[in-house]
Amino acid sequence: MGFMVLWFYGFMVLWFYGFMVLWFYGFMVLWFYGFMVLWFYGFHVA
């Protein structure tokens, strides 16, 4: 019983941590990509 509770808790922690890491990584990638596109576009337009 205790093992099942511990396994479930560990699974929830890993899932939440993985979700946060993926969200933060995706946000950083989108921000960096948008910044690069704006910089490249502005550099060529100027």
PDB file of N, CA and C in Angstrom:
ATOM      1  N   MET A   1       0.841  -1.200   0.000  1.00  0.00           N
ATOM      2  CA  MET A   1       0.000   0.000   0.000  1.00  0.00           C
ATOM      3  C   MET A   1       0.880   1.256   0.000  1.00  0.00           C
ATOM      4  N   GLY A   2       1.835   1.294   0.917  1.00  0.00           N
ATOM      5  CA  GLY A   2       2.715   2.456   0.969  1.00  0.00           C
ATOM      6  C   GLY A   2       3.525   2.602  -0.310  1.00  0.00           C
ATOM      7  N   PHE A   3       3.931   1.457  -0.877  1.00  0.00           N
ATOM      8  CA  PHE A   3       4.707   1.497  -2.112  1.00  0.00           C
ATOM      9  C   PHE A   3       3.870   2.096  -3.246  1.00  0.00           C
ATOM     10  N   MET A   4       2.597   1.730  -3.314  1.00  0.00           N
ATOM     11  CA  MET A   4       1.721   2.259  -4.360  1.00  0.00           C
ATOM     12  C   MET A   4       1.539   3.765  -4.205  1.00  0.00           C
ATOM     13  N   VAL A   5       1.365   4.209  -2.963  1.00  0.00           N
ATOM     14  CA  VAL A   5       1.199   5.650  -2.708  1.00  0.00           C
ATOM     15  C   VAL A   5       2.465   6.394  -3.105  1.00  0.00           C
ATOM     16  N   LEU A   6       3.622   5.843  -2.718  1.00  0.00           N
ATOM     17  CA  LEU A   6       4.895   6.476  -3.041  1.00  0.00           C
ATOM     18  C   LEU A   6       5.104   6.514  -4.551  1.00  0.00           C
ATOM     19  N   TRP A   7       4.756   5.416  -5.245  1.00  0.00           N
ATOM     20  CA  TRP A   7       4.912   5.358  -6.701  1.00  0.00           C
ATOM     21  C   TRP A   7       4.009   6.389  -7.373  1.00  0.00           C
ATOM     22  N   PHE A   8       2.755   6.476  -6.892  1.00  0.00           N
ATOM     23  CA  PHE A   8       1.808   7.436  -7.465  1.00  0.00           C
ATOM     24  C   PHE A   8       2.292   8.868  -7.241  1.00  0.00           C
ATOM     25  N   TYR A   9       2.802   9.144  -6.039  1.00  0.00           N
ATOM     26  CA  TYR A   9       3.294  10.483  -5.722  1.00  0.00           C
ATOM     27  C   TYR A   9       4.502  10.825  -6.604  1.00  0.00           C
ATOM     28  N   GLY A  10       5.419   9.871  -6.737  1.00  0.00           N
ATOM     29  CA  GLY A  10       6.591  10.096  -7.582  1.00  0.00           C
ATOM     30  C   GLY A  10       6.181  10.328  -9.030  1.00  0.00           C
ATOM     31  N   PHE A  11       5.194   9.572  -9.499  1.00  0.00           N
ATOM     32  CA  PHE A  11       4.730   9.721 -10.876  1.00  0.00           C
ATOM     33  C   PHE A  11       4.119  11.108 -11.092  1.00  0.00           C
ATOM     34  N   MET A  12       3.329  11.566 -10.133  1.00  0.00           N
ATOM     35  CA  MET A  12       2.706  12.888 -10.238  1.00  0.00           C
ATOM     36  C   MET A  12       3.768  13.983 -10.229  1.00  0.00           C
ATOM     37  N   VAL A  13       4.767  13.849  -9.360  1.00  0.00           N
ATOM     38  CA  VAL A  13       5.840  14.847  -9.278  1.00  0.00           C
ATOM     39  C   VAL A  13       6.620  14.885 -10.589  1.00  0.00           C
ATOM     40  N   LEU A  14       6.962  13.707 -11.122  1.00  0.00           N
ATOM     41  CA  LEU A  14       7.710  13.657 -12.377  1.00  0.00           C
ATOM     42  C   LEU A  14       6.890  14.240 -13.519  1.00  0.00           C
ATOM     43  N   TRP A  15       5.593  13.932 -13.565  1.00  0.00           N
ATOM     44  CA  TRP A  15       4.734  14.437 -14.633  1.00  0.00           C
ATOM     45  C   TRP A  15       4.632  15.958 -14.551  1.00  0.00           C
ATOM     46  N   PHE A  16       4.412  16.484 -13.333  1.00  0.00           N
ATOM     47  CA  PHE A  16       4.292  17.934 -13.159  1.00  0.00           C
ATOM     48  C   PHE A  16       5.614  18.625 -13.506  1.00  0.00           C
ATOM     49  N   TYR A  17       6.739  18.058 -13.053  1.00  0.00           N
ATOM     50  CA  TYR A  17       8.046  18.648 -13.329  1.00  0.00           C
ATOM     51  C   TYR A  17       8.338  18.624 -14.827  1.00  0.00           C
ATOM     52  N   GLY A  18       8.034  17.494 -15.466  1.00  0.00           N
ATOM     53  CA  GLY A  18       8.252  17.388 -16.909  1.00  0.00           C
ATOM     54  C   GLY A  18       7.381  18.382 -17.672  1.00  0.00           C
ATOM     55  N   PHE A  19       6.139  18.548 -17.222  1.00  0.00           N
ATOM     56  CA  PHE A  19       5.232  19.489 -17.882  1.00  0.00           C
ATOM     57  C   PHE A  19       5.760  20.914 -17.751  1.00  0.00           C
ATOM     58  N   MET A  20       6.243  21.270 -16.572  1.00  0.00           N
ATOM     59  CA  MET A  20       6.774  22.612 -16.350  1.00  0.00           C
ATOM     60  C   MET A  20       8.019  22.842 -17.202  1.00  0.00           C
ATOM     61  N   VAL A  21       8.897  21.841 -17.272  1.00  0.00           N
ATOM     62  CA  VAL A  21      10.123  21.963 -18.061  1.00  0.00           C
ATOM     63  C   VAL A  21       9.779  22.123 -19.541  1.00  0.00           C
ATOM     64  N   LEU A  22       8.833  21.303 -20.023  1.00  0.00           N
ATOM     65  CA  LEU A  22       8.451  21.393 -21.436  1.00  0.00           C
ATOM     66  C   LEU A  22       7.822  22.748 -21.731  1.00  0.00           C
ATOM     67  N   TRP A  23       6.967  23.251 -20.839  1.00  0.00           N
ATOM     68  CA  TRP A  23       6.314  24.542 -21.049  1.00  0.00           C
ATOM     69  C   TRP A  23       7.352  25.662 -21.062  1.00  0.00           C
ATOM     70  N   PHE A  24       8.274  25.638 -20.098  1.00  0.00           N
ATOM     71  CA  PHE A  24       9.304  26.677 -20.023  1.00  0.00           C
ATOM     72  C   PHE A  24      10.225  26.615 -21.244  1.00  0.00           C
ATOM     73  N   TYR A  25      10.610  25.390 -21.649  1.00  0.00           N
ATOM     74  CA  TYR A  25      11.489  25.230 -22.804  1.00  0.00           C
ATOM     75  C   TYR A  25      10.792  25.713 -24.073  1.00  0.00           C
ATOM     76  N   GLY A  26       9.509  25.346 -24.227  1.00  0.00           N
ATOM     77  CA  GLY A  26       8.754  25.779 -25.405  1.00  0.00           C
ATOM     78  C   GLY A  26       8.607  27.297 -25.435  1.00  0.00           C
ATOM     79  N   PHE A  27       8.363  27.899 -24.270  1.00  0.00           N
ATOM     80  CA  PHE A  27       8.221  29.351 -24.194  1.00  0.00           C
ATOM     81  C   PHE A  27       9.534  30.035 -24.578  1.00  0.00           C
ATOM     82  N   MET A  28      10.651  29.521 -24.078  1.00  0.00           N
ATOM     83  CA  MET A  28      11.953  30.095 -24.394  1.00  0.00           C
ATOM     84  C   MET A  28      12.261  29.961 -25.878  1.00  0.00           C
ATOM     85  N   VAL A  29      11.959  28.797 -26.458  1.00  0.00           N
ATOM     86  CA  VAL A  29      12.224  28.569 -27.885  1.00  0.00           C
ATOM     87  C   VAL A  29      11.376  29.516 -28.736  1.00  0.00           C
ATOM     88  N   LEU A  30      10.091  29.650 -28.381  1.00  0.00           N
ATOM     89  CA  LEU A  30       9.210  30.542 -29.154  1.00  0.00           C
ATOM     90  C   LEU A  30       9.680  31.989 -29.037  1.00  0.00           C
ATOM     91  N   TRP A  31      10.074  32.413 -27.835  1.00  0.00           N
ATOM     92  CA  TRP A  31      10.538  33.781 -27.634  1.00  0.00           C
ATOM     93  C   TRP A  31      11.832  34.021 -28.412  1.00  0.00           C
ATOM     94  N   PHE A  32      12.777  33.088 -28.331  1.00  0.00           N
ATOM     95  CA  PHE A  32      14.043  33.233 -29.044  1.00  0.00           C
ATOM     96  C   PHE A  32      13.818  33.240 -30.551  1.00  0.00           C
ATOM     97  N   TYR A  33      12.936  32.357 -31.037  1.00  0.00           N
ATOM     98  CA  TYR A  33      12.655  32.282 -32.467  1.00  0.00           C
ATOM     99  C   TYR A  33      11.996  33.577 -32.950  1.00  0.00           C
ATOM    100  N   GLY A  34      11.027  34.081 -32.179  1.00  0.00           N
ATOM    101  CA  GLY A  34      10.361  35.330 -32.551  1.00  0.00           C
ATOM    102  C   GLY A  34      11.351  36.490 -32.555  1.00  0.00           C
ATOM    103  N   PHE A  35      12.242  36.532 -31.574  1.00  0.00           N
ATOM    104  CA  PHE A  35      13.239  37.598 -31.496  1.00  0.00           C
ATOM    105  C   PHE A  35      14.181  37.535 -32.702  1.00  0.00           C
ATOM    106  N   MET A  36      14.618  36.333 -33.072  1.00  0.00           N
ATOM    107  CA  MET A  36      15.506  36.163 -34.219  1.00  0.00           C
ATOM    108  C   MET A  36      14.808  36.581 -35.505  1.00  0.00           C
ATOM    109  N   VAL A  37      13.533  36.197 -35.656  1.00  0.00           N
ATOM    110  CA  VAL A  37      12.780  36.563 -36.864  1.00  0.00           C
ATOM    111  C   VAL A  37      12.623  38.079 -36.954  1.00  0.00           C
ATOM    112  N   LEU A  38      12.275  38.717 -35.829  1.00  0.00           N
ATOM    113  CA  LEU A  38      12.110  40.170 -35.841  1.00  0.00           C
ATOM    114  C   LEU A  38      13.442  40.857 -36.146  1.00  0.00           C
ATOM    115  N   TRP A  39      14.527  40.373 -35.547  1.00  0.00           N
ATOM    116  CA  TRP A  39      15.842  40.972 -35.776  1.00  0.00           C
ATOM    117  C   TRP A  39      16.264  40.790 -37.231  1.00  0.00           C
ATOM    118  N   PHE A  40      16.077  39.580 -37.772  1.00  0.00           N
ATOM    119  CA  PHE A  40      16.441  39.300 -39.160  1.00  0.00           C
ATOM    120  C   PHE A  40      15.609  40.157 -40.110  1.00  0.00           C
ATOM    121  N   TYR A  41      14.305  40.249 -39.852  1.00  0.00           N
ATOM    122  CA  TYR A  41      13.405  41.034 -40.704  1.00  0.00           C
ATOM    123  C   TYR A  41      13.775  42.521 -40.648  1.00  0.00           C
ATOM    124  N   GLY A  42      14.001  43.014 -39.439  1.00  0.00           N
ATOM    125  CA  GLY A  42      14.367  44.419 -39.289  1.00  0.00           C
ATOM    126  C   GLY A  42      15.717  44.712 -39.936  1.00  0.00           C
ATOM    127  N   PHE A  43      16.657  43.793 -39.830  1.00  0.00           N
ATOM    128  CA  PHE A  43      17.987  43.987 -40.404  1.00  0.00           C
ATOM    129  C   PHE A  43      17.903  44.061 -41.927  1.00  0.00           C
ATOM    130  N   HIS A  44      17.074  43.228 -42.539  1.00  0.00           N
ATOM    131  CA  HIS A  44      16.957  43.224 -43.995  1.00  0.00           C
ATOM    132  C   HIS A  44      16.108  44.387 -44.504  1.00  0.00           C
ATOM    133  N   VAL A  45      15.140  44.809 -43.704  1.00  0.00           N
ATOM    134  CA  VAL A  45      14.290  45.925 -44.140  1.00  0.00           C
ATOM    135  C   VAL A  45      15.056  47.243 -44.027  1.00  0.00           C
ATOM    136  N   ALA A  46      15.858  47.360 -42.968  1.00  0.00           N
ATOM    137  CA  ALA A  46      16.565  48.618 -42.743  1.00  0.00           C
ATOM    138  C   ALA A  46      17.532  48.906 -43.852  1.00  0.00           C
TER     139      ALA A  46
END
